[in-house]
């Protein structure tokens, strides 16, 4: 099941976790009344969706994250091979990481194929 479809009904997630609205929404900085509106069908802003996914689906304790954690994540985004190696060691599984190909390299490969 796609993550987006898991988030389409936050009420179900909250009920599965056995939390009331104040507990559930408070963990991601949303008021109970705001959370109630999202549960009633009002669209959630993307940052709220991502926080909901991190905290309640992926079960990440965001209160423990630091600026240094964010800096490491930002650095790893520029090093897909390093990210893949660390993830494999940490989880024992491989992950496909999309690589950006520079425009000049794409032009060269296209013109080489045309010749």
N, C-alpha and C. Protein backbone atom coordinates (compact mmCIF):
# COMPACT_ATOMS: atom_id res chain seq x y z
N UNK A 1 0.84 -1.17 0.00
CA UNK A 1 0.00 0.00 0.00
C UNK A 1 0.89 1.24 0.00
N UNK A 2 0.58 2.22 -0.85
CA UNK A 2 1.35 3.44 -0.92
C UNK A 2 1.17 4.23 0.37
N UNK A 3 2.23 4.98 0.72
CA UNK A 3 2.17 5.80 1.92
C UNK A 3 1.04 6.80 1.84
N UNK A 4 0.86 7.42 0.66
CA UNK A 4 -0.20 8.43 0.51
C UNK A 4 -1.57 7.84 0.83
N UNK A 5 -1.84 6.61 0.38
CA UNK A 5 -3.14 6.03 0.67
C UNK A 5 -3.27 5.69 2.15
N UNK A 6 -2.15 5.39 2.82
CA UNK A 6 -2.19 5.15 4.26
C UNK A 6 -2.58 6.43 5.00
N UNK A 7 -2.17 7.58 4.45
CA UNK A 7 -2.42 8.85 5.10
C UNK A 7 -3.78 9.43 4.75
N UNK A 8 -4.47 8.83 3.79
CA UNK A 8 -5.74 9.40 3.36
C UNK A 8 -6.79 9.38 4.45
N UNK A 9 -6.63 8.52 5.44
CA UNK A 9 -7.59 8.49 6.53
C UNK A 9 -6.85 8.50 7.87
N UNK A 10 -6.46 9.69 8.33
CA UNK A 10 -5.71 9.75 9.60
C UNK A 10 -6.51 9.25 10.79
N UNK A 11 -7.83 9.32 10.71
CA UNK A 11 -8.66 8.81 11.83
C UNK A 11 -8.40 7.32 12.04
N UNK A 12 -8.30 6.57 10.95
CA UNK A 12 -8.02 5.12 11.08
C UNK A 12 -6.67 4.88 11.74
N UNK A 13 -5.66 5.66 11.34
CA UNK A 13 -4.33 5.51 11.95
C UNK A 13 -4.42 5.81 13.44
N UNK A 14 -5.07 6.90 13.79
CA UNK A 14 -5.20 7.30 15.19
C UNK A 14 -5.92 6.23 16.00
N UNK A 15 -7.00 5.70 15.45
CA UNK A 15 -7.76 4.68 16.19
C UNK A 15 -6.96 3.40 16.35
N UNK A 16 -6.20 3.02 15.29
CA UNK A 16 -5.36 1.82 15.38
C UNK A 16 -4.32 1.96 16.49
N UNK A 17 -3.83 3.19 16.66
CA UNK A 17 -2.82 3.44 17.70
C UNK A 17 -3.44 3.61 19.09
N UNK A 18 -4.75 3.72 19.14
CA UNK A 18 -5.44 3.86 20.43
C UNK A 18 -5.22 5.21 21.09
N UNK A 19 -5.07 6.26 20.28
CA UNK A 19 -4.84 7.59 20.82
C UNK A 19 -6.07 8.47 20.62
N UNK A 20 -6.27 9.40 21.53
CA UNK A 20 -7.33 10.39 21.30
C UNK A 20 -6.77 11.47 20.39
N UNK A 21 -7.62 12.38 19.92
CA UNK A 21 -7.19 13.38 18.96
C UNK A 21 -6.10 14.29 19.54
N UNK A 22 -6.23 14.68 20.77
CA UNK A 22 -5.24 15.57 21.36
C UNK A 22 -3.87 14.91 21.42
N UNK A 23 -3.81 13.65 21.82
CA UNK A 23 -2.53 12.94 21.89
C UNK A 23 -1.93 12.76 20.49
N UNK A 24 -2.76 12.28 19.58
CA UNK A 24 -2.31 11.97 18.21
C UNK A 24 -1.79 13.21 17.50
N UNK A 25 -2.61 14.24 17.43
CA UNK A 25 -2.23 15.44 16.67
C UNK A 25 -1.20 16.26 17.42
N UNK A 26 -1.23 16.24 18.74
CA UNK A 26 -0.25 16.99 19.52
C UNK A 26 1.18 16.52 19.29
N UNK A 27 1.36 15.26 18.97
CA UNK A 27 2.70 14.72 18.73
C UNK A 27 3.35 15.32 17.49
N UNK A 28 2.56 15.93 16.61
CA UNK A 28 3.13 16.55 15.41
C UNK A 28 2.84 18.06 15.37
N UNK A 29 2.41 18.60 16.51
CA UNK A 29 2.24 20.04 16.61
C UNK A 29 0.96 20.59 16.02
N UNK A 30 -0.05 19.76 15.88
CA UNK A 30 -1.34 20.20 15.36
C UNK A 30 -2.33 20.20 16.52
N UNK A 31 -3.17 21.23 16.58
CA UNK A 31 -4.16 21.28 17.64
C UNK A 31 -5.22 20.19 17.45
N UNK A 32 -5.93 19.89 18.51
CA UNK A 32 -7.00 18.89 18.43
C UNK A 32 -8.05 19.33 17.43
N UNK A 33 -8.42 20.60 17.43
CA UNK A 33 -9.46 21.06 16.51
C UNK A 33 -8.97 21.01 15.07
N UNK A 34 -7.70 21.33 14.83
CA UNK A 34 -7.14 21.23 13.48
C UNK A 34 -7.13 19.79 13.01
N UNK A 35 -6.72 18.88 13.90
CA UNK A 35 -6.71 17.46 13.57
C UNK A 35 -8.10 16.94 13.27
N UNK A 36 -9.08 17.42 14.02
CA UNK A 36 -10.47 17.02 13.78
C UNK A 36 -10.91 17.42 12.37
N UNK A 37 -10.50 18.60 11.95
CA UNK A 37 -10.85 19.05 10.58
C UNK A 37 -10.21 18.14 9.53
N UNK A 38 -8.94 17.74 9.76
CA UNK A 38 -8.28 16.84 8.80
C UNK A 38 -8.97 15.48 8.78
N UNK A 39 -9.39 15.02 9.94
CA UNK A 39 -10.08 13.73 10.00
C UNK A 39 -11.46 13.80 9.34
N UNK A 40 -12.01 14.99 9.26
CA UNK A 40 -13.33 15.17 8.62
C UNK A 40 -13.23 15.40 7.12
N UNK A 41 -12.04 15.39 6.59
CA UNK A 41 -11.89 15.49 5.15
C UNK A 41 -11.20 16.72 4.61
N UNK A 42 -10.91 17.69 5.46
CA UNK A 42 -10.18 18.87 4.97
C UNK A 42 -8.78 18.43 4.55
N UNK A 43 -8.28 18.98 3.45
CA UNK A 43 -6.97 18.56 2.96
C UNK A 43 -5.87 19.03 3.91
N UNK A 44 -4.88 18.16 4.07
CA UNK A 44 -3.74 18.44 4.94
C UNK A 44 -2.62 19.07 4.13
N UNK A 45 -1.96 20.09 4.66
CA UNK A 45 -0.78 20.61 3.99
C UNK A 45 0.31 19.54 3.94
N UNK A 46 1.14 19.59 2.92
CA UNK A 46 2.18 18.57 2.74
C UNK A 46 3.09 18.41 3.97
N UNK A 47 3.53 19.50 4.63
CA UNK A 47 4.36 19.30 5.83
C UNK A 47 3.65 18.51 6.93
N UNK A 48 2.36 18.72 7.10
CA UNK A 48 1.60 17.98 8.10
C UNK A 48 1.52 16.51 7.69
N UNK A 49 1.29 16.24 6.40
CA UNK A 49 1.26 14.86 5.91
C UNK A 49 2.58 14.17 6.19
N UNK A 50 3.69 14.88 5.93
CA UNK A 50 5.00 14.26 6.13
C UNK A 50 5.28 14.01 7.60
N UNK A 51 4.90 14.94 8.47
CA UNK A 51 5.07 14.72 9.90
C UNK A 51 4.21 13.55 10.37
N UNK A 52 2.98 13.49 9.90
CA UNK A 52 2.10 12.38 10.26
C UNK A 52 2.73 11.05 9.86
N UNK A 53 3.27 11.00 8.64
CA UNK A 53 3.91 9.77 8.16
C UNK A 53 5.12 9.41 9.03
N UNK A 54 5.99 10.38 9.29
CA UNK A 54 7.19 10.12 10.07
C UNK A 54 6.87 9.62 11.48
N UNK A 55 5.95 10.31 12.13
CA UNK A 55 5.67 10.01 13.54
C UNK A 55 4.76 8.81 13.73
N UNK A 56 3.67 8.73 12.94
CA UNK A 56 2.65 7.71 13.21
C UNK A 56 2.70 6.50 12.29
N UNK A 57 3.32 6.61 11.12
CA UNK A 57 3.43 5.46 10.23
C UNK A 57 4.82 4.85 10.34
N UNK A 58 5.86 5.70 10.20
CA UNK A 58 7.23 5.20 10.28
C UNK A 58 7.72 5.06 11.72
N UNK A 59 6.95 5.62 12.67
CA UNK A 59 7.23 5.52 14.11
C UNK A 59 8.59 6.11 14.49
N UNK A 60 8.89 7.30 13.96
CA UNK A 60 10.13 8.00 14.28
C UNK A 60 9.84 9.03 15.37
N UNK A 61 10.65 9.01 16.42
CA UNK A 61 10.49 9.96 17.51
C UNK A 61 11.21 11.25 17.12
N UNK A 62 10.46 12.19 16.54
CA UNK A 62 11.08 13.41 16.03
C UNK A 62 11.59 14.31 17.15
N UNK A 63 11.18 14.07 18.39
CA UNK A 63 11.67 14.89 19.50
C UNK A 63 13.15 14.60 19.76
N UNK A 64 13.66 13.50 19.24
CA UNK A 64 15.06 13.14 19.45
C UNK A 64 15.96 13.60 18.31
N UNK A 65 15.39 14.13 17.22
CA UNK A 65 16.20 14.58 16.10
C UNK A 65 16.89 15.89 16.44
N UNK A 66 18.11 16.04 15.93
CA UNK A 66 18.87 17.26 16.16
C UNK A 66 19.27 17.88 14.84
N UNK A 67 19.82 19.07 14.91
CA UNK A 67 20.31 19.74 13.71
C UNK A 67 21.40 18.89 13.05
N UNK A 68 22.22 18.23 13.84
CA UNK A 68 23.28 17.38 13.29
C UNK A 68 22.68 16.24 12.47
N UNK A 69 21.57 15.67 12.93
CA UNK A 69 20.90 14.61 12.18
C UNK A 69 20.47 15.12 10.81
N UNK A 70 19.90 16.32 10.79
CA UNK A 70 19.46 16.92 9.53
C UNK A 70 20.66 17.16 8.61
N UNK A 71 21.77 17.61 9.17
CA UNK A 71 22.97 17.86 8.36
C UNK A 71 23.50 16.57 7.75
N UNK A 72 23.47 15.49 8.50
CA UNK A 72 23.92 14.20 7.97
C UNK A 72 23.00 13.75 6.84
N UNK A 73 21.71 13.90 7.01
CA UNK A 73 20.75 13.53 5.96
C UNK A 73 20.99 14.36 4.71
N UNK A 74 21.20 15.66 4.88
CA UNK A 74 21.46 16.53 3.74
C UNK A 74 22.73 16.12 3.01
N UNK A 75 23.75 15.77 3.76
CA UNK A 75 25.02 15.33 3.16
C UNK A 75 24.81 14.03 2.39
N UNK A 76 24.10 13.10 2.97
CA UNK A 76 23.89 11.80 2.32
C UNK A 76 23.10 11.93 1.02
N UNK A 77 22.26 12.95 0.90
CA UNK A 77 21.52 13.17 -0.34
C UNK A 77 22.46 13.44 -1.50
N UNK A 78 23.64 13.95 -1.21
CA UNK A 78 24.62 14.24 -2.27
C UNK A 78 25.53 13.06 -2.55
N UNK A 79 25.44 12.00 -1.77
CA UNK A 79 26.31 10.82 -1.88
C UNK A 79 25.47 9.55 -1.95
N UNK A 80 24.79 9.28 -3.08
CA UNK A 80 23.89 8.12 -3.15
C UNK A 80 24.59 6.78 -2.92
N UNK A 81 25.84 6.64 -3.35
CA UNK A 81 26.54 5.38 -3.13
C UNK A 81 26.81 5.14 -1.64
N UNK A 82 27.21 6.20 -0.94
CA UNK A 82 27.44 6.10 0.50
C UNK A 82 26.13 5.80 1.22
N UNK A 83 25.06 6.49 0.83
CA UNK A 83 23.75 6.24 1.42
C UNK A 83 23.35 4.78 1.25
N UNK A 84 23.50 4.26 0.04
CA UNK A 84 23.11 2.88 -0.26
C UNK A 84 23.93 1.89 0.59
N UNK A 85 25.23 2.16 0.72
CA UNK A 85 26.10 1.26 1.50
C UNK A 85 25.71 1.28 2.98
N UNK A 86 25.47 2.47 3.53
CA UNK A 86 25.10 2.58 4.94
C UNK A 86 23.74 1.93 5.18
N UNK A 87 22.80 2.16 4.29
CA UNK A 87 21.47 1.57 4.46
C UNK A 87 21.54 0.04 4.40
N UNK A 88 22.33 -0.48 3.48
CA UNK A 88 22.49 -1.93 3.38
C UNK A 88 23.07 -2.50 4.66
N UNK A 89 24.07 -1.84 5.20
CA UNK A 89 24.68 -2.31 6.45
C UNK A 89 23.71 -2.20 7.62
N UNK A 90 22.91 -1.15 7.64
CA UNK A 90 21.99 -0.94 8.77
C UNK A 90 20.79 -1.86 8.73
N UNK A 91 20.26 -2.10 7.54
CA UNK A 91 19.01 -2.86 7.45
C UNK A 91 19.18 -4.24 6.83
N UNK A 92 20.29 -4.46 6.17
CA UNK A 92 20.48 -5.74 5.49
C UNK A 92 19.73 -5.83 4.17
N UNK A 93 19.18 -4.69 3.71
CA UNK A 93 18.46 -4.67 2.45
C UNK A 93 19.05 -3.60 1.54
N UNK A 94 18.85 -3.77 0.27
CA UNK A 94 19.34 -2.76 -0.68
C UNK A 94 18.20 -1.84 -1.07
N UNK A 95 18.57 -0.64 -1.44
CA UNK A 95 17.59 0.37 -1.84
C UNK A 95 18.07 1.01 -3.12
N UNK A 96 17.14 1.23 -4.04
CA UNK A 96 17.47 1.89 -5.29
C UNK A 96 17.41 3.38 -5.06
N UNK A 97 18.49 4.07 -5.38
CA UNK A 97 18.56 5.51 -5.23
C UNK A 97 18.66 6.12 -6.62
N UNK A 98 17.75 7.03 -6.94
CA UNK A 98 17.78 7.70 -8.24
C UNK A 98 18.97 8.62 -8.30
N UNK A 99 19.67 8.60 -9.43
CA UNK A 99 20.82 9.46 -9.63
C UNK A 99 20.48 10.52 -10.64
N UNK A 100 20.93 11.71 -10.38
CA UNK A 100 20.75 12.79 -11.34
C UNK A 100 21.90 12.74 -12.33
N UNK A 101 21.58 12.73 -13.61
CA UNK A 101 22.59 12.73 -14.65
C UNK A 101 22.74 14.15 -15.15
N UNK A 102 23.98 14.68 -15.16
CA UNK A 102 24.16 16.04 -15.65
C UNK A 102 23.66 16.17 -17.09
N UNK A 103 23.14 17.35 -17.41
CA UNK A 103 22.57 17.59 -18.74
C UNK A 103 23.61 17.34 -19.82
N UNK A 104 24.85 17.79 -19.64
CA UNK A 104 25.89 17.60 -20.65
C UNK A 104 26.13 16.12 -20.92
N UNK A 105 26.10 15.30 -19.87
CA UNK A 105 26.32 13.86 -20.05
C UNK A 105 25.17 13.24 -20.83
N UNK A 106 23.94 13.72 -20.57
CA UNK A 106 22.80 13.18 -21.30
C UNK A 106 22.89 13.54 -22.77
N UNK A 107 23.30 14.77 -23.07
CA UNK A 107 23.43 15.18 -24.47
C UNK A 107 24.47 14.33 -25.18
N UNK A 108 25.58 14.07 -24.49
CA UNK A 108 26.65 13.26 -25.09
C UNK A 108 26.15 11.86 -25.38
N UNK A 109 25.45 11.27 -24.43
CA UNK A 109 24.98 9.89 -24.64
C UNK A 109 23.92 9.83 -25.73
N UNK A 110 23.08 10.86 -25.84
CA UNK A 110 22.06 10.87 -26.89
C UNK A 110 22.71 11.02 -28.26
N UNK A 111 23.68 11.96 -28.36
CA UNK A 111 24.33 12.15 -29.66
C UNK A 111 25.18 10.94 -30.02
N UNK A 112 25.75 10.24 -29.05
CA UNK A 112 26.54 9.04 -29.34
C UNK A 112 25.64 7.93 -29.87
N UNK A 113 24.41 7.83 -29.33
CA UNK A 113 23.49 6.81 -29.81
C UNK A 113 23.00 7.11 -31.20
N UNK A 114 22.86 8.39 -31.51
CA UNK A 114 22.36 8.79 -32.83
C UNK A 114 23.38 8.53 -33.93
N UNK A 115 24.66 8.52 -33.58
CA UNK A 115 25.73 8.33 -34.59
C UNK A 115 25.85 6.91 -35.05
